[in-house]
Amino acid sequence: MPLRMDGGTTTDIDRTISTLPSTKPLSPRTFAGQVEQALQQRFPAHKIQRVLDSWKLLDMGYEHRAFVGMEQNPPIADAANSRCYQHAPSYVPGLKAIEWWDNAKNDYLWAQKLSKSYKDIRNEFISVISNPEKLEGGNNIWAGALTTDAASYGEGWKTLVLLNRGQWDETNAKLFPVASRAIHESGVPAAEVFFASMKPRTNIKPHSDLTNFVLTSHLPLVIPENGKNKCRLSVGDHTRQWIEGEIIMFDTSIYHDAVNDSDEMRYILMLRVWHPDLTADEREALQFIYDCLEIPELLSDDPETVFIAEHRAKMMRDFPLRNARGGGGFGGVAKGRNTVQKKSKK
């Protein structure tokens, strides 16, 4: 039986396999049905069919569970002794499920650009968190778990949000202008962005982030005993250490866990980015669902109410700092690669 990084066994990994059920149109009398209708009015149905299916599956209470070891390179065939299981109640069919998306820095222009700002982001971060007076002006600084599922990760994990569901936290963006501009100007295709801390001598239990249409990318900022394997992350069957300044990308719908074996705090910049297999229309459709969850007036029958709601949604998504240049979608793909073309929080 494989071992977790905290020394326990992986017997708590759920190895259930589910079968994708058939779906049917939702009732227009429900919120979910109104969202479905709005999606069909705003987008050609054939271009967002996977998103429509995902929304209906979520409304049905379907939870996708699958062994994805055979999708890895090299394939993992021993399902009985593997941790490479995906669990995603928020599930868009047809997206690759790969533990580690190697060479993210080389494959995606946004990652290349962001990595160049590492030192500036790190210096600003250390300066701000070292100044209690500055932090007092922030919003939900180092918040704990917001859900029951997240609470099971452990007490040592805290976050400081810059972007949530595609919407900027203006207060915190102004608190960290260097980091916020670097993220924006690099064109990071982000659904969520936050700093994450991890206390010394703590671990995060094996879990899934329950969503397969966003991947997770880390820019390690402060790693105690950097390069000495004290701070580690395991996704599926493979474990790696964080290295300061080295961007990594992985799929957190696959069971994963982490450990800080050092005597100091660990800090990273966490980016939840749209899965690269999604099309531009699918990302926009998923963002529209996020917007509807925040602003239900988008579903109103009154055109004026919808117009006001759309303006509000746009304002919430607009980058809040002035004199910042715009960024691109999935950042384009680095030279030599084909161009590629969208939920959750701990």
Protein backbone atom coordinates (compact mmCIF):
# COMPACT_ATOMS: atom_id res chain seq x y z
CA MET A 1 0.00 0.00 0.00
CA PRO A 2 1.48 3.40 -0.95
CA LEU A 3 2.28 5.80 1.87
CA ARG A 4 1.10 9.36 2.39
CA MET A 5 3.75 11.94 3.11
CA ASP A 6 2.57 12.16 6.72
CA GLY A 7 3.39 8.49 7.18
CA GLY A 8 -0.17 7.12 7.00
CA THR A 9 -1.59 4.73 4.43
CA THR A 10 -3.85 5.68 1.56
CA THR A 11 -6.74 3.55 2.76
CA ASP A 12 -8.85 6.71 3.08
CA ILE A 13 -8.75 7.32 -0.71
CA ASP A 14 -12.21 6.71 -2.17
CA ARG A 15 -11.78 4.22 -5.02
CA THR A 16 -15.40 4.32 -6.16
CA ILE A 17 -15.92 4.40 -9.94
CA SER A 18 -19.01 6.19 -11.28
CA THR A 19 -20.78 6.05 -14.62
CA LEU A 20 -21.84 9.23 -16.39
CA PRO A 21 -25.67 9.35 -16.38
CA SER A 22 -27.85 10.72 -19.14
CA THR A 23 -29.23 14.23 -18.67
CA LYS A 24 -32.42 16.06 -19.59
CA PRO A 25 -33.46 19.73 -19.75
CA LEU A 26 -33.92 21.41 -16.38
CA SER A 27 -37.17 22.93 -15.16
CA PRO A 28 -37.37 26.66 -16.06
CA ARG A 29 -39.05 27.20 -12.69
CA THR A 30 -35.79 26.51 -10.87
CA PHE A 31 -32.65 28.63 -10.59
CA ALA A 32 -30.65 25.89 -12.33
CA GLY A 33 -33.16 25.80 -15.19
CA GLN A 34 -33.03 29.58 -15.58
CA VAL A 35 -29.23 29.44 -15.79
CA GLU A 36 -29.50 26.72 -18.43
CA GLN A 37 -31.89 28.84 -20.50
CA ALA A 38 -29.68 31.93 -20.17
CA LEU A 39 -26.65 29.94 -21.33
CA GLN A 40 -28.53 28.72 -24.40
CA GLN A 41 -29.62 32.27 -25.22
CA ARG A 42 -26.12 33.70 -24.90
CA PHE A 43 -24.05 30.96 -26.56
CA PRO A 44 -24.52 28.54 -29.48
CA ALA A 45 -25.55 25.34 -27.69
CA HIS A 46 -23.23 23.14 -29.76
CA LYS A 47 -20.23 25.22 -28.64
CA ILE A 48 -20.92 24.86 -24.90
CA GLN A 49 -22.57 21.44 -24.80
CA ARG A 50 -20.03 20.14 -22.28
CA VAL A 51 -20.76 23.06 -19.95
CA LEU A 52 -24.52 22.50 -20.28
CA ASP A 53 -23.99 18.82 -19.47
CA SER A 54 -21.80 19.74 -16.50
CA TRP A 55 -24.44 22.11 -15.11
CA LYS A 56 -27.18 19.49 -15.43
CA LEU A 57 -25.01 16.81 -13.83
CA LEU A 58 -24.31 19.12 -10.90
CA ASP A 59 -28.04 19.78 -10.46
CA MET A 60 -28.63 16.00 -10.45
CA GLY A 61 -26.17 15.59 -7.59
CA TYR A 62 -23.80 13.52 -9.73
CA GLU A 63 -20.24 13.15 -8.40
CA HIS A 64 -17.71 11.98 -10.94
CA ARG A 65 -15.29 9.38 -9.54
CA ALA A 66 -12.78 7.64 -11.77
CA PHE A 67 -9.38 5.97 -11.80
CA VAL A 68 -7.30 8.14 -14.12
CA GLY A 69 -4.00 6.32 -13.85
CA MET A 70 -4.08 5.20 -17.46
CA GLU A 71 -4.08 8.86 -18.59
CA GLN A 72 -0.67 9.48 -17.02
CA ASN A 73 2.69 9.30 -18.79
CA PRO A 74 3.76 6.59 -18.19
CA PRO A 75 0.40 4.96 -17.47
CA ILE A 76 -0.40 3.69 -13.98
CA ALA A 77 -2.13 0.32 -14.33
CA ASP A 78 -2.35 -0.88 -10.72
CA ALA A 79 -5.61 0.78 -9.65
CA ALA A 80 -5.82 -1.22 -6.41
CA ASN A 81 -2.61 0.28 -5.02
CA SER A 82 -2.80 3.71 -6.65
CA ARG A 83 -3.96 7.11 -5.37
CA CYS A 84 -4.60 8.38 -8.90
CA TYR A 85 -8.35 8.78 -8.51
CA GLN A 86 -10.37 11.78 -9.61
CA HIS A 87 -13.33 13.08 -7.59
CA ALA A 88 -15.26 15.96 -9.14
CA PRO A 89 -18.90 16.85 -8.39
CA SER A 90 -18.26 19.91 -10.60
CA TYR A 91 -17.30 17.97 -13.72
CA VAL A 92 -16.97 18.97 -17.37
CA PRO A 93 -16.75 15.78 -19.50
CA GLY A 94 -13.86 15.20 -21.85
CA LEU A 95 -11.03 17.06 -20.10
CA LYS A 96 -7.65 15.39 -19.59
CA ALA A 97 -6.89 14.38 -15.99
CA ILE A 98 -3.10 14.53 -15.60
CA GLU A 99 -1.37 14.61 -12.21
CA TRP A 100 1.44 17.00 -13.15
CA TRP A 101 1.38 19.31 -16.14
CA ASP A 102 5.12 19.35 -16.67
CA ASN A 103 6.93 22.23 -18.31
CA ALA A 104 4.12 24.71 -17.59
CA LYS A 105 6.68 27.52 -17.60
CA ASN A 106 7.88 26.53 -21.07
CA ASP A 107 4.48 25.69 -22.56
CA TYR A 108 2.43 28.75 -21.60
CA LEU A 109 3.38 32.38 -22.17
CA TRP A 110 1.53 33.55 -19.05
CA ALA A 111 3.72 31.28 -16.91
CA GLN A 112 6.86 32.54 -18.62
CA LYS A 113 5.89 36.14 -18.00
CA LEU A 114 4.79 35.62 -14.40
CA SER A 115 7.97 33.77 -13.45
CA LYS A 116 9.99 36.82 -14.51
CA SER A 117 8.19 38.84 -11.80
CA TYR A 118 8.94 36.31 -9.06
CA LYS A 119 11.49 38.41 -7.16
CA ASP A 120 9.34 41.54 -7.24
CA ILE A 121 6.26 39.58 -6.11
CA ARG A 122 8.22 37.92 -3.33
CA ASN A 123 9.79 41.15 -2.09
CA GLU A 124 6.43 42.94 -1.99
CA PHE A 125 4.78 39.99 -0.26
CA ILE A 126 7.41 39.81 2.49
CA SER A 127 7.29 43.56 2.97
CA VAL A 128 3.50 43.65 3.35
CA ILE A 129 3.04 40.63 5.62
CA SER A 130 5.86 41.94 7.84
CA ASN A 131 3.92 45.16 8.42
CA PRO A 132 0.89 44.58 10.73
CA GLU A 133 -0.44 48.08 10.05
CA LYS A 134 -0.64 47.40 6.31
CA LEU A 135 -2.30 44.03 6.83
CA GLU A 136 -4.97 45.60 9.03
CA GLY A 137 -6.25 47.39 5.93
CA GLY A 138 -6.74 44.14 4.02
CA ASN A 139 -9.85 42.03 3.50
CA ASN A 140 -10.17 38.62 5.23
CA ILE A 141 -6.43 38.38 5.79
CA TRP A 142 -5.27 34.80 6.32
CA ALA A 143 -8.79 33.41 6.40
CA GLY A 144 -9.29 29.82 7.45
CA ALA A 145 -11.42 27.14 5.82
CA LEU A 146 -14.67 28.43 4.35
CA THR A 147 -16.35 25.03 3.94
CA THR A 148 -16.67 21.80 5.92
CA ASP A 149 -14.65 19.98 3.25
CA ALA A 150 -11.85 22.53 3.44
CA ALA A 151 -11.81 22.36 7.25
CA SER A 152 -10.70 18.74 7.00
CA TYR A 153 -7.45 19.87 5.34
CA GLY A 154 -6.09 20.98 8.72
CA GLU A 155 -5.64 24.12 10.78
CA GLY A 156 -2.28 25.03 9.29
CA TRP A 157 -3.60 26.22 5.90
CA LYS A 158 -4.74 29.86 5.47
CA THR A 159 -5.43 32.11 2.47
CA LEU A 160 -5.32 35.75 1.41
CA VAL A 161 -7.49 36.24 -1.69
CA LEU A 162 -6.71 38.50 -4.65
CA LEU A 163 -9.22 37.09 -7.15
CA ASN A 164 -12.28 34.89 -6.56
CA ARG A 165 -14.50 33.39 -9.28
CA GLY A 166 -13.02 35.80 -11.79
CA GLN A 167 -13.74 38.83 -9.60
CA TRP A 168 -10.94 40.95 -8.14
CA ASP A 169 -10.81 41.83 -4.46
CA GLU A 170 -10.07 45.52 -4.92
CA THR A 171 -8.90 46.03 -1.33
CA ASN A 172 -6.33 43.24 -1.45
CA ALA A 173 -5.26 44.06 -5.02
CA LYS A 174 -4.33 47.54 -3.78
CA LEU A 175 -2.53 45.99 -0.82
CA PHE A 176 -0.40 43.92 -3.25
CA PRO A 177 -0.21 46.06 -6.42
CA VAL A 178 3.01 44.52 -7.74
CA ALA A 179 1.67 40.97 -7.55
CA SER A 180 -1.76 41.97 -8.87
CA ARG A 181 -0.31 43.82 -11.88
CA ALA A 182 2.06 40.96 -12.65
CA ILE A 183 -0.82 38.49 -12.65
CA HIS A 184 -2.99 40.77 -14.80
CA GLU A 185 -0.27 41.78 -17.26
CA SER A 186 0.97 38.20 -17.65
CA GLY A 187 -2.47 37.20 -18.91
CA VAL A 188 -2.93 34.45 -16.35
CA PRO A 189 -6.21 32.65 -17.27
CA ALA A 190 -7.23 32.67 -13.63
CA ALA A 191 -10.54 31.84 -11.99
CA GLU A 192 -9.02 32.31 -8.52
CA VAL A 193 -5.78 33.74 -7.14
CA PHE A 194 -4.65 33.84 -3.54
CA PHE A 195 -1.63 33.65 -1.30
CA ALA A 196 -1.57 30.50 0.84
CA SER A 197 0.33 29.94 4.06
CA MET A 198 1.14 26.65 5.75
CA LYS A 199 2.27 26.41 9.35
CA PRO A 200 5.43 24.56 10.43
CA ARG A 201 5.13 20.85 11.16
CA THR A 202 1.66 20.52 9.62
CA ASN A 203 0.14 18.49 6.81
CA ILE A 204 -2.90 18.70 4.58
CA LYS A 205 -4.87 15.46 4.36
CA PRO A 206 -5.52 13.68 1.03
CA HIS A 207 -8.45 15.35 -0.70
CA SER A 208 -9.86 16.53 -4.00
CA ASP A 209 -10.74 20.15 -4.82
CA LEU A 210 -13.91 18.69 -6.38
CA THR A 211 -13.68 20.57 -9.71
CA ASN A 212 -12.01 19.27 -12.89
CA PHE A 213 -12.29 22.34 -15.13
CA VAL A 214 -9.65 24.37 -13.33
CA LEU A 215 -6.05 23.34 -12.75
CA THR A 216 -3.89 24.61 -9.90
CA SER A 217 -0.60 26.43 -10.41
CA HIS A 218 1.82 27.46 -7.64
CA LEU A 219 4.49 30.12 -7.63
CA PRO A 220 6.47 29.26 -4.48
CA LEU A 221 7.47 32.45 -2.66
CA VAL A 222 8.96 31.44 0.70
CA ILE A 223 9.97 27.81 1.08
CA PRO A 224 11.81 26.95 4.33
CA GLU A 225 15.10 25.10 3.73
CA ASN A 226 14.48 25.58 0.03
CA GLY A 227 15.64 22.58 -2.03
CA LYS A 228 16.01 20.27 0.98
CA ASN A 229 12.69 18.46 0.48
CA LYS A 230 11.10 19.79 3.67
CA CYS A 231 7.99 21.17 1.93
CA ARG A 232 6.35 18.67 -0.39
CA LEU A 233 3.22 18.18 -2.44
CA SER A 234 1.86 14.84 -3.64
CA VAL A 235 -0.63 14.51 -6.50
CA GLY A 236 -1.87 11.03 -7.32
CA ASP A 237 1.10 8.69 -7.02
CA HIS A 238 3.91 11.24 -7.36
CA THR A 239 5.49 13.65 -4.88
CA ARG A 240 7.53 16.79 -5.57
CA GLN A 241 8.99 19.56 -3.47
CA TRP A 242 8.27 23.26 -3.85
CA ILE A 243 11.24 25.27 -5.11
CA GLU A 244 11.19 29.05 -4.75
CA GLY A 245 10.40 30.79 -8.03
CA GLU A 246 9.64 27.59 -9.99
CA ILE A 247 6.06 27.52 -11.32
CA ILE A 248 4.29 24.16 -11.16
CA MET A 249 0.85 23.13 -12.46
CA PHE A 250 -1.21 20.10 -11.52
CA ASP A 251 -4.76 18.71 -11.34
CA THR A 252 -6.32 19.01 -7.89
CA SER A 253 -9.45 17.07 -8.86
CA ILE A 254 -7.07 14.13 -8.33
CA TYR A 255 -6.41 13.19 -4.71
CA HIS A 256 -3.48 15.20 -3.34
CA ASP A 257 -1.91 16.19 -0.02
CA ALA A 258 0.93 18.31 1.30
CA VAL A 259 3.36 18.62 4.19
CA ASN A 260 5.56 21.26 5.78
CA ASP A 261 8.22 19.39 7.73
CA SER A 262 10.18 22.54 8.52
CA ASP A 263 10.13 24.83 11.55
CA GLU A 264 9.02 27.89 9.56
CA MET A 265 5.98 29.13 7.63
CA ARG A 266 5.64 28.22 3.96
CA TYR A 267 4.09 30.75 1.53
CA ILE A 268 3.00 30.31 -2.09
CA LEU A 269 1.01 32.26 -4.67
CA MET A 270 -1.78 29.92 -5.77
CA LEU A 271 -3.45 30.31 -9.17
CA ARG A 272 -6.55 28.35 -10.11
CA VAL A 273 -6.50 28.49 -13.93
CA TRP A 274 -9.03 27.35 -16.52
CA HIS A 275 -8.25 23.89 -17.89
CA PRO A 276 -6.43 24.31 -21.25
CA ASP A 277 -8.76 21.78 -22.95
CA LEU A 278 -11.66 24.23 -22.54
CA THR A 279 -12.57 26.45 -25.50
CA ALA A 280 -12.94 30.21 -25.16
CA ASP A 281 -16.74 29.84 -25.35
CA GLU A 282 -16.72 27.23 -22.60
CA ARG A 283 -14.62 29.44 -20.32
CA GLU A 284 -16.99 32.35 -20.89
CA ALA A 285 -19.99 30.13 -20.19
CA LEU A 286 -18.49 28.89 -16.93
CA GLN A 287 -17.66 32.46 -15.93
CA PHE A 288 -21.28 33.40 -16.65
CA ILE A 289 -22.42 30.69 -14.23
CA TYR A 290 -20.08 32.13 -11.60
CA ASP A 291 -21.54 35.59 -12.25
CA CYS A 292 -25.09 34.27 -11.88
CA LEU A 293 -24.24 32.74 -8.52
CA GLU A 294 -23.04 36.16 -7.36
CA ILE A 295 -25.63 38.28 -9.22
CA PRO A 296 -28.94 36.38 -9.76
CA GLU A 297 -30.41 39.49 -11.40
CA LEU A 298 -28.60 38.40 -14.57
CA LEU A 299 -31.47 35.93 -14.99
CA SER A 300 -34.22 38.54 -14.76
CA ASP A 301 -36.94 38.86 -17.42
CA ASP A 302 -36.57 42.63 -17.24
CA PRO A 303 -34.04 43.96 -19.82
CA GLU A 304 -33.15 46.98 -17.70
CA THR A 305 -32.45 44.80 -14.65
CA VAL A 306 -30.25 42.52 -16.77
CA PHE A 307 -28.40 45.52 -18.23
CA ILE A 308 -27.59 46.83 -14.74
CA ALA A 309 -26.56 43.36 -13.57
CA GLU A 310 -24.26 42.89 -16.57
CA HIS A 311 -22.60 46.23 -15.87
CA ARG A 312 -22.13 45.22 -12.21
CA ALA A 313 -20.62 41.87 -13.21
CA LYS A 314 -18.22 43.56 -15.61
CA MET A 315 -17.14 46.05 -12.94
CA MET A 316 -16.43 43.19 -10.53
CA ARG A 317 -14.28 41.41 -13.12
CA ASP A 318 -12.40 44.50 -14.33
CA PHE A 319 -8.87 44.91 -13.06
CA PRO A 320 -9.14 47.49 -10.24
CA LEU A 321 -5.73 49.17 -10.51
CA ARG A 322 -5.21 52.02 -12.94
CA ASN A 323 -2.52 52.26 -15.61
CA ALA A 324 -2.32 48.50 -16.03
CA ARG A 325 -1.99 46.89 -19.41
CA GLY A 326 -4.39 44.15 -20.52
CA GLY A 327 -3.64 40.44 -20.62
CA GLY A 328 -4.64 37.57 -22.85
CA GLY A 329 -6.68 34.38 -22.49
CA PHE A 330 -4.76 31.17 -21.80
CA GLY A 331 -1.80 33.39 -22.57
CA GLY A 332 -1.26 31.71 -25.90
CA VAL A 333 1.13 28.81 -26.02
CA ALA A 334 4.87 29.20 -26.21
CA LYS A 335 6.54 29.07 -29.59
CA GLY A 336 6.59 25.59 -31.04
CA ARG A 337 3.28 24.52 -29.44
CA ASN A 338 -0.24 24.56 -30.87
CA THR A 339 -2.54 27.33 -29.63
CA VAL A 340 -4.99 26.13 -26.95
CA GLN A 341 -7.99 27.59 -25.86
CA LYS A 342 -13.45 27.13 -17.21
CA LYS A 343 -14.75 26.51 -9.80
CA SER A 344 -13.80 25.93 -5.93
CA LYS A 345 -11.86 27.03 -3.13
CA LYS A 346 -10.45 25.50 -0.17
